[in-house]
Each structure stands twice: as C-alpha cells, then as structure tokens.
Amino acid sequence: MDIMSFITEKALIVIPVLYIIGMMLKNTSKIQDWSIPWILLIVGIGSSIGLLGFNMEAIIQGVLVTGTTVYTNQLFKQSTIKKKEQDEKS
C-alpha cells in the first residue's frame, strides 16, 4: 500500500509536526495520555484545513495524518521500548 495514494503531498508535512507536538504533550504532566490522540486529531484537522482550505478533503486528510502519526508512534514504542522491557524480564 502506497501512503501517497491516500495522503496528499501538502499534508505530509503535518505528520512530523504532529509527532513533535505529541512528544511535547507526553512530557507535560498536566495532560493525560488518553487525551493526546484527541488533541493531535484537532491539531491535525486544523492544520490540514489551513493547508488545503475548508472542505471535506482537508478534514479527511487531517484524520489520515493524525492516524499515521499515532500509528507510527505506537510502532516505534512497541518495537523499541516494549522490546527492551521484555529483554530485561528474560
């Protein structure tokens, strides 16, 4: 599956921006972990609307870039951090 067939080139810049915002939110003690994806979704949709204009495609692109960001973060965490924890238990 080619990610470029779903996410427009203009919206790709939002993915690393959301990732950085997510890391900053994670290090903030006042924000609970469960709310971070919701905050990123709002920022992702807002950013996509800013880039593409207010239309349905921009909203869909915001959801897609947010999903890609959260999924990438989870892949990274599961592949590195959780693996280290399992190795320490063994």
Protein backbone atom coordinates (compact mmCIF):
# COMPACT_ATOMS: atom_id res chain seq x y z
CA MET A 1 0.00 0.00 0.00
CA ASP A 2 1.37 3.38 -1.00
CA ILE A 3 0.73 6.10 1.57
CA MET A 4 0.99 8.72 -1.18
CA SER A 5 -2.21 7.39 -2.74
CA PHE A 6 -4.13 8.40 0.39
CA ILE A 7 -2.35 11.44 1.85
CA THR A 8 -1.67 14.43 -0.37
CA GLU A 9 1.86 15.81 -0.59
CA LYS A 10 0.81 19.09 1.00
CA ALA A 11 -0.45 17.28 4.10
CA LEU A 12 2.68 15.14 4.60
CA ILE A 13 4.45 17.97 6.43
CA VAL A 14 1.82 17.73 9.17
CA ILE A 15 2.96 14.21 10.20
CA PRO A 16 6.34 15.19 11.75
CA VAL A 17 4.77 18.32 13.22
CA LEU A 18 2.12 16.22 14.96
CA TYR A 19 4.76 13.76 16.14
CA ILE A 20 6.78 16.55 17.77
CA ILE A 21 3.66 18.04 19.36
CA GLY A 22 2.74 14.59 20.65
CA MET A 23 6.16 14.14 22.23
CA MET A 24 5.88 17.55 23.88
CA LEU A 25 2.41 16.72 25.21
CA LYS A 26 3.66 13.37 26.52
CA ASN A 27 6.29 15.19 28.60
CA THR A 28 3.67 17.54 30.05
CA SER A 29 2.45 16.21 33.39
CA LYS A 30 -0.90 18.03 33.28
CA ILE A 31 -2.08 16.29 30.10
CA GLN A 32 -3.28 12.72 30.44
CA ASP A 33 -2.07 10.14 27.91
CA TRP A 34 -5.57 9.24 26.71
CA SER A 35 -6.20 12.83 25.61
CA ILE A 36 -3.08 13.17 23.45
CA PRO A 37 -4.53 11.45 20.33
CA TRP A 38 -7.64 13.65 20.60
CA ILE A 39 -5.55 16.81 20.83
CA LEU A 40 -3.46 15.64 17.87
CA LEU A 41 -6.64 14.96 15.89
CA ILE A 42 -7.87 18.52 16.45
CA VAL A 43 -4.46 19.96 15.54
CA GLY A 44 -4.18 17.64 12.52
CA ILE A 45 -7.57 18.61 11.14
CA GLY A 46 -6.90 22.30 11.83
CA SER A 47 -3.52 22.12 10.11
CA SER A 48 -4.97 20.34 7.10
CA ILE A 49 -7.72 22.92 6.82
CA GLY A 50 -5.04 25.62 6.97
CA LEU A 51 -3.11 23.95 4.15
CA LEU A 52 -5.93 22.75 1.92
CA GLY A 53 -8.82 25.08 2.73
CA PHE A 54 -12.07 24.33 4.50
CA ASN A 55 -13.51 21.31 2.70
CA MET A 56 -14.22 17.64 3.32
CA GLU A 57 -10.91 16.54 1.80
CA ALA A 58 -8.99 18.63 4.33
CA ILE A 59 -10.87 17.03 7.22
CA ILE A 60 -10.18 13.55 5.85
CA GLN A 61 -6.52 14.44 5.34
CA GLY A 62 -6.35 15.65 8.95
CA VAL A 63 -7.71 12.34 10.19
CA LEU A 64 -5.29 10.40 7.96
CA VAL A 65 -2.18 12.30 9.02
CA THR A 66 -3.16 12.03 12.68
CA GLY A 67 -3.74 8.30 12.31
CA THR A 68 -0.39 7.89 10.58
CA THR A 69 1.36 9.83 13.33
CA VAL A 70 -0.22 7.89 16.20
CA TYR A 71 0.33 4.55 14.43
CA THR A 72 3.99 5.38 13.75
CA ASN A 73 4.48 6.36 17.38
CA GLN A 74 2.94 3.09 18.57
CA LEU A 75 5.09 1.06 16.16
CA PHE A 76 8.18 2.80 17.49
CA LYS A 77 7.19 2.28 21.12
CA GLN A 78 6.24 -1.37 20.67
CA SER A 79 9.38 -2.14 18.67
CA THR A 80 11.88 -0.43 20.95
CA ILE A 81 10.64 0.32 24.44
CA LYS A 82 8.47 -2.77 24.96
CA LYS A 83 11.17 -4.98 23.45
CA LYS A 84 13.69 -3.62 25.96
CA GLU A 85 11.27 -4.35 28.80
CA GLN A 86 10.80 -7.92 27.57
CA ASP A 87 14.55 -8.42 27.23
CA GLU A 88 15.07 -7.19 30.80
CA LYS A 89 12.49 -9.68 32.12
CA SER A 90 14.20 -12.58 30.35
